[in-house]
Amino acid sequence: MPIIQSSYKPPFLLRNAHAATIYPSMFRKVENVAYKRERIPTRDDDFLDIDWIKNGSSKLIILSHGLEGSTHRPYMIGAANRFSKLGWDVLAWNCRSCSGEMNNKPQFYHHGASNDLEDVVLHSLKANAYKEVYLGGFSLGGSLTVKYLGEHDLPDVIKGGAVFSVPFSILGSVNQLSLRGNGFYRKRFLKKLKKKILEKSKTFPDQISIEGLDAIDTFEEFDDKYTAPLHGFEDANDFYRVASAGNYLAGVSLPLLIVNAENDPFLADNCYPKEIARSSENIVLEIPEMGGHVGFLSSKDRSWIDDRMVAFIDQLEN
């Protein structure tokens, strides 16, 4: 499909990429959400904590969060509330180690761990007679969503998805976050990830060494030492090559909206899949000039993301 022109226009004070990224993450106020938590098993005897809003609907939206996020991030709560108010059922899920309680395995989560999303989808369908299921993903959660849609045999009730701020090339995003002006994000993420490694090393001292952990200053160093070996990759480059969502776009056979802001500080040029979008009958690529990374506020506390997701799905249903 053609790359479509975006309607998104930011408030004046959020035209800067960093302001657009940081303000909603740290200061956006969203309405409290009435989640009901459920713990489900994974296929490898670990667990995932998922949060429901059930309205007795035949329609379900499944929401996946970004790196070191959770179901309680403002963008997740905002989308959950919006769909709930429309009468939908909502399932927002926490990646392993992100629910407030550490998971049971040495492994935690990464951009390519779409099997966990598949477990969530299949669980949601076991006891609920949904007629339509849509997937929404943000950043890393968008990567998981695209990979799941592109490589798995999908239940017939899954009708499409919408993803925002997706790093289609992990290496491209890693390189972008290595730039001097993006040190704030890199250090913030690594601080949180290192804390989890320290906690896991106490439970699995024979499998996780903290030697040299304090000296790690880049994602490539962290992924080479921890992410890759813990999750079955040869090294960081093998992880980036195999797990990147861009590898799976050609397999997407359902309608998929991709929204990546042109000024996203996390995304390199190869994170905008223009050629695949132009040749695909299913993929809609939208590149707003501004919006930052999972930003896209339309006013102080209201997100254009929620409006765009609803509009895209409405278009598919009508």
Protein backbone atom coordinates (compact mmCIF):
# COMPACT_ATOMS: atom_id res chain seq x y z
CA MET A 1 0.00 0.00 0.00
CA PRO A 2 1.15 3.58 -0.44
CA ILE A 3 2.75 5.29 2.55
CA ILE A 4 -0.09 7.44 3.84
CA GLN A 5 0.06 11.05 4.91
CA SER A 6 -0.34 11.47 8.66
CA SER A 7 -2.89 13.71 10.35
CA TYR A 8 -0.87 13.98 13.56
CA LYS A 9 -0.01 17.50 14.70
CA PRO A 10 1.70 17.89 18.08
CA PRO A 11 1.14 20.65 20.62
CA PHE A 12 3.65 23.45 20.07
CA LEU A 13 5.76 22.58 23.13
CA LEU A 14 6.07 18.94 22.03
CA ARG A 15 7.46 19.55 18.56
CA ASN A 16 10.95 18.66 19.76
CA ALA A 17 11.71 14.92 19.54
CA HIS A 18 13.00 14.61 23.10
CA ALA A 19 10.18 16.63 24.62
CA ALA A 20 7.66 14.52 22.69
CA THR A 21 9.28 11.34 24.02
CA ILE A 22 10.01 12.29 27.63
CA TYR A 23 6.95 14.35 28.61
CA PRO A 24 4.27 11.64 28.12
CA SER A 25 6.51 9.01 29.67
CA MET A 26 7.17 10.98 32.84
CA PHE A 27 4.36 13.50 33.22
CA ARG A 28 1.26 12.36 31.34
CA LYS A 29 -1.64 11.83 33.74
CA VAL A 30 -4.06 9.10 32.76
CA GLU A 31 -7.22 7.83 34.35
CA ASN A 32 -6.81 4.89 36.72
CA VAL A 33 -7.57 1.58 35.06
CA ALA A 34 -9.58 -1.23 36.63
CA TYR A 35 -7.37 -4.17 35.69
CA LYS A 36 -7.98 -7.66 37.04
CA ARG A 37 -4.72 -9.62 37.15
CA GLU A 38 -4.32 -13.23 36.13
CA ARG A 39 -1.15 -15.33 36.21
CA ILE A 40 -0.77 -17.82 33.39
CA PRO A 41 1.84 -20.53 32.74
CA THR A 42 4.20 -20.43 29.78
CA ARG A 43 5.17 -23.39 27.65
CA ASP A 44 8.55 -23.59 29.43
CA ASP A 45 7.11 -23.65 32.97
CA ASP A 46 7.56 -19.96 33.72
CA PHE A 47 4.70 -17.49 34.18
CA LEU A 48 3.26 -14.30 32.72
CA ASP A 49 1.10 -11.77 34.54
CA ILE A 50 -1.71 -10.47 32.37
CA ASP A 51 -4.20 -7.72 33.20
CA TRP A 52 -7.80 -7.86 32.03
CA ILE A 53 -10.66 -5.46 31.63
CA LYS A 54 -13.71 -7.56 30.83
CA ASN A 55 -16.93 -6.02 29.56
CA GLY A 56 -18.51 -9.19 28.16
CA SER A 57 -17.62 -8.13 24.64
CA SER A 58 -17.13 -10.32 21.58
CA LYS A 59 -14.17 -8.07 20.67
CA LEU A 60 -10.75 -8.09 22.34
CA ILE A 61 -7.69 -5.85 22.05
CA ILE A 62 -4.36 -7.31 23.25
CA LEU A 63 -1.75 -4.69 24.21
CA SER A 64 2.03 -5.26 24.40
CA HIS A 65 4.36 -2.78 26.15
CA GLY A 66 7.88 -1.57 25.36
CA LEU A 67 11.34 -2.18 26.81
CA GLU A 68 11.27 -2.08 30.62
CA GLY A 69 7.63 -1.04 30.49
CA SER A 70 4.57 -2.70 31.99
CA THR A 71 0.80 -2.68 31.73
CA HIS A 72 0.82 0.44 33.92
CA ARG A 73 2.76 2.70 31.56
CA PRO A 74 0.66 5.72 30.51
CA TYR A 75 0.44 4.61 26.87
CA MET A 76 -0.85 1.19 27.97
CA ILE A 77 -3.39 2.55 30.45
CA GLY A 78 -4.55 5.16 27.95
CA ALA A 79 -5.21 2.62 25.22
CA ALA A 80 -6.79 0.16 27.66
CA ASN A 81 -9.20 2.77 28.96
CA ARG A 82 -10.10 3.99 25.48
CA PHE A 83 -11.06 0.54 24.21
CA SER A 84 -12.80 -0.36 27.46
CA LYS A 85 -14.99 2.73 27.20
CA LEU A 86 -15.99 1.55 23.72
CA GLY A 87 -17.20 -1.67 25.32
CA TRP A 88 -14.30 -3.90 24.28
CA ASP A 89 -12.56 -6.47 26.41
CA VAL A 90 -8.92 -5.55 27.00
CA LEU A 91 -5.92 -7.78 27.75
CA ALA A 92 -2.70 -5.96 28.61
CA TRP A 93 0.20 -8.26 29.37
CA ASN A 94 3.53 -7.91 31.14
CA CYS A 95 6.68 -9.35 29.62
CA ARG A 96 8.63 -11.67 31.91
CA SER A 97 10.14 -9.72 34.84
CA CYS A 98 8.04 -6.61 34.12
CA SER A 99 4.98 -7.18 36.31
CA GLY A 100 6.58 -6.24 39.61
CA GLU A 101 7.70 -9.79 40.37
CA MET A 102 10.76 -11.47 38.87
CA ASN A 103 10.05 -14.46 36.66
CA ASN A 104 11.29 -17.94 37.53
CA LYS A 105 13.74 -18.60 34.70
CA PRO A 106 17.23 -17.21 34.04
CA GLN A 107 15.81 -15.83 30.79
CA PHE A 108 13.56 -12.78 30.81
CA TYR A 109 12.35 -11.18 27.54
CA HIS A 110 13.60 -9.63 24.30
CA HIS A 111 12.44 -8.25 20.94
CA GLY A 112 12.05 -11.68 19.39
CA ALA A 113 10.23 -13.51 22.21
CA SER A 114 6.96 -13.82 20.29
CA ASN A 115 6.23 -17.24 21.80
CA ASP A 116 5.16 -15.45 24.96
CA LEU A 117 2.72 -13.33 22.99
CA GLU A 118 1.41 -16.48 21.34
CA ASP A 119 0.84 -18.03 24.78
CA VAL A 120 -1.11 -14.93 25.79
CA VAL A 121 -3.25 -15.03 22.65
CA LEU A 122 -4.04 -18.73 22.97
CA HIS A 123 -4.89 -18.35 26.65
CA SER A 124 -7.27 -15.48 25.90
CA LEU A 125 -9.19 -17.65 23.45
CA LYS A 126 -9.54 -20.77 25.63
CA ALA A 127 -12.33 -19.53 27.86
CA ASN A 128 -13.67 -16.59 25.84
CA ALA A 129 -15.72 -16.79 22.66
CA TYR A 130 -14.27 -13.76 20.92
CA LYS A 131 -15.29 -13.07 17.33
CA GLU A 132 -12.65 -10.38 16.70
CA VAL A 133 -9.20 -9.97 18.21
CA TYR A 134 -6.79 -7.15 17.39
CA LEU A 135 -3.23 -6.63 18.58
CA GLY A 136 -1.66 -3.33 19.64
CA GLY A 137 2.06 -2.94 20.31
CA PHE A 138 4.41 -0.18 21.38
CA SER A 139 8.17 -0.13 20.67
CA LEU A 140 9.49 -3.58 21.73
CA GLY A 141 5.86 -4.65 22.09
CA GLY A 142 5.40 -3.63 18.47
CA SER A 143 8.36 -5.83 17.53
CA LEU A 144 6.74 -8.78 19.29
CA THR A 145 3.42 -8.08 17.58
CA VAL A 146 4.92 -7.88 14.08
CA LYS A 147 6.98 -11.04 14.60
CA TYR A 148 3.97 -12.93 15.91
CA LEU A 149 1.78 -11.83 13.01
CA GLY A 150 4.48 -12.63 10.47
CA GLU A 151 5.66 -16.06 11.54
CA HIS A 152 2.90 -17.86 13.43
CA ASP A 153 -0.21 -19.74 12.35
CA LEU A 154 -2.90 -17.37 13.54
CA PRO A 155 -6.35 -18.15 14.91
CA ASP A 156 -9.09 -17.05 12.51
CA VAL A 157 -10.48 -14.55 15.02
CA ILE A 158 -7.34 -12.38 14.80
CA LYS A 159 -8.22 -9.64 12.35
CA GLY A 160 -5.25 -7.23 12.39
CA GLY A 161 -2.97 -5.01 14.41
CA ALA A 162 -1.59 -1.53 15.00
CA VAL A 163 1.96 -0.83 16.17
CA PHE A 164 3.79 2.35 17.12
CA SER A 165 7.47 3.38 17.34
CA VAL A 166 8.78 -0.02 16.25
CA PRO A 167 12.56 -0.61 15.91
CA PHE A 168 12.38 -2.85 12.83
CA SER A 169 16.16 -3.14 12.93
CA ILE A 170 17.41 -3.78 16.45
CA LEU A 171 20.96 -2.95 15.38
CA GLY A 172 19.77 0.28 13.80
CA SER A 173 18.04 1.27 17.04
CA VAL A 174 21.07 0.23 19.13
CA ASN A 175 23.30 2.41 16.97
CA GLN A 176 20.86 5.29 17.25
CA LEU A 177 20.77 5.02 21.03
CA SER A 178 24.57 5.00 21.08
CA LEU A 179 24.63 8.55 19.75
CA ARG A 180 25.80 11.14 22.22
CA GLY A 181 22.50 13.00 22.27
CA ASN A 182 20.60 9.86 23.24
CA GLY A 183 22.66 8.94 26.28
CA PHE A 184 19.80 9.75 28.65
CA TYR A 185 17.64 6.94 27.22
CA ARG A 186 20.46 4.42 26.97
CA LYS A 187 21.63 4.94 30.55
CA ARG A 188 18.09 4.83 31.91
CA PHE A 189 17.29 1.52 30.20
CA LEU A 190 20.63 -0.05 31.09
CA LYS A 191 20.27 0.94 34.73
CA LYS A 192 16.98 -0.94 34.93
CA LEU A 193 18.29 -3.96 33.01
CA LYS A 194 21.43 -4.17 35.15
CA LYS A 195 19.28 -4.18 38.28
CA LYS A 196 17.43 -7.22 36.96
CA ILE A 197 20.67 -8.99 36.13
CA LEU A 198 21.88 -8.40 39.68
CA GLU A 199 18.67 -9.87 41.05
CA LYS A 200 18.76 -12.87 38.74
CA SER A 201 22.42 -13.55 39.51
CA LYS A 202 21.49 -14.21 43.14
CA THR A 203 19.09 -16.96 42.07
CA PHE A 204 21.20 -18.34 39.22
CA PRO A 205 24.84 -17.69 40.20
CA ASP A 206 26.15 -20.52 38.00
CA GLN A 207 24.41 -19.16 34.89
CA ILE A 208 24.61 -15.38 35.34
CA SER A 209 27.86 -13.66 36.20
CA ILE A 210 27.93 -10.02 37.25
CA GLU A 211 31.66 -9.66 36.59
CA GLY A 212 32.09 -6.53 34.46
CA LEU A 213 28.41 -5.55 34.75
CA ASP A 214 29.13 -2.09 36.17
CA ALA A 215 31.40 -1.26 33.23
CA ILE A 216 28.77 -1.97 30.58
CA ASP A 217 27.77 1.28 28.89
CA THR A 218 26.14 0.18 25.61
CA PHE A 219 23.30 -2.10 24.58
CA GLU A 220 25.68 -4.08 22.39
CA GLU A 221 27.85 -4.91 25.42
CA PHE A 222 24.79 -5.84 27.48
CA ASP A 223 23.25 -7.95 24.72
CA ASP A 224 26.55 -9.70 23.98
CA LYS A 225 27.07 -10.65 27.62
CA TYR A 226 23.49 -11.34 28.72
CA THR A 227 20.63 -11.13 26.20
CA ALA A 228 22.23 -13.31 23.53
CA PRO A 229 23.59 -16.21 25.63
CA LEU A 230 20.56 -16.33 27.93
CA HIS A 231 18.18 -16.63 25.00
CA GLY A 232 20.04 -18.96 22.67
CA PHE A 233 21.82 -16.54 20.34
CA GLU A 234 25.51 -16.74 19.43
CA ASP A 235 26.22 -13.11 20.26
CA ALA A 236 24.66 -9.66 20.06
CA ASN A 237 24.94 -9.48 16.27
CA ASP A 238 23.21 -12.86 15.89
CA PHE A 239 20.44 -11.63 18.21
CA TYR A 240 20.01 -8.42 16.22
CA ARG A 241 19.99 -10.30 12.92
CA VAL A 242 17.51 -13.02 13.90
CA ALA A 243 15.14 -11.18 16.24
CA SER A 244 14.57 -7.93 14.33
CA ALA A 245 10.91 -7.43 13.41
CA GLY A 246 11.80 -6.32 9.89
CA ASN A 247 12.58 -9.94 9.05
CA TYR A 248 8.96 -10.93 9.55
CA LEU A 249 7.03 -8.17 7.82
CA ALA A 250 6.84 -10.05 4.51
CA GLY A 251 4.92 -12.81 6.29
CA VAL A 252 2.20 -10.51 7.62
CA SER A 253 -1.05 -11.43 5.86
CA LEU A 254 -3.49 -9.38 7.94
CA PRO A 255 -4.08 -5.61 8.00
CA LEU A 256 -1.32 -3.92 10.00
CA LEU A 257 -0.90 -0.23 10.77
CA ILE A 258 2.67 0.90 11.43
CA VAL A 259 3.23 4.41 12.83
CA ASN A 260 6.86 5.55 13.26
CA ALA A 261 7.56 9.24 13.74
CA GLU A 262 10.18 10.75 11.47
CA ASN A 263 11.85 12.41 14.46
CA ASP A 264 11.87 9.31 16.70
CA PRO A 265 15.23 9.47 18.56
CA PHE A 266 15.28 5.66 18.92
CA LEU A 267 14.96 4.81 15.22
CA ALA A 268 17.55 4.72 12.44
CA ASP A 269 16.70 4.97 8.73
CA ASN A 270 16.38 1.19 8.40
CA CYS A 271 13.58 1.20 10.98
CA TYR A 272 11.14 2.63 8.41
CA PRO A 273 10.04 -0.29 6.16
CA LYS A 274 9.03 1.82 3.17
CA GLU A 275 9.76 -0.68 0.39
CA ILE A 276 7.90 -3.53 2.06
CA ALA A 277 4.95 -1.27 2.79
CA ARG A 278 4.76 -0.13 -0.84
CA SER A 279 4.71 -3.72 -2.10
CA SER A 280 2.34 -5.14 0.53
CA GLU A 281 -1.43 -5.35 0.28
CA ASN A 282 -1.78 -5.53 4.05
CA ILE A 283 0.68 -3.06 5.58
CA VAL A 284 -0.18 0.61 6.10
CA LEU A 285 2.87 2.72 6.95
CA GLU A 286 2.36 6.17 8.44
CA ILE A 287 5.34 8.42 9.17
CA PRO A 288 4.29 11.57 11.03
CA GLU A 289 6.86 14.35 10.86
CA MET A 290 6.86 14.61 14.66
CA GLY A 291 5.81 12.54 17.65
CA GLY A 292 9.01 11.23 19.19
CA HIS A 293 9.13 7.69 20.58
CA VAL A 294 5.75 6.45 21.82
CA GLY A 295 4.82 10.09 22.27
CA PHE A 296 2.14 11.46 19.95
CA LEU A 297 0.25 13.51 22.53
CA SER A 298 -2.55 15.57 21.04
CA SER A 299 -2.98 17.63 24.21
CA LYS A 300 -1.43 17.67 27.68
CA ASP A 301 -2.76 14.26 28.72
CA ARG A 302 -4.56 12.91 25.64
CA SER A 303 -2.82 10.62 23.16
CA TRP A 304 -3.37 10.62 19.40
CA ILE A 305 -2.25 6.96 19.48
CA ASP A 306 -5.58 5.92 20.99
CA ASP A 307 -7.53 7.84 18.35
CA ARG A 308 -5.43 6.35 15.54
CA MET A 309 -5.82 2.77 16.76
CA VAL A 310 -9.58 3.11 17.05
CA ALA A 311 -9.90 4.79 13.64
CA PHE A 312 -7.81 2.10 11.92
CA ILE A 313 -9.83 -0.74 13.42
CA ASP A 314 -13.13 1.01 12.67
CA GLN A 315 -12.03 1.28 9.05
CA LEU A 316 -11.36 -2.44 8.92
CA GLU A 317 -14.74 -3.30 10.45
CA ASN A 318 -16.77 -1.05 8.14
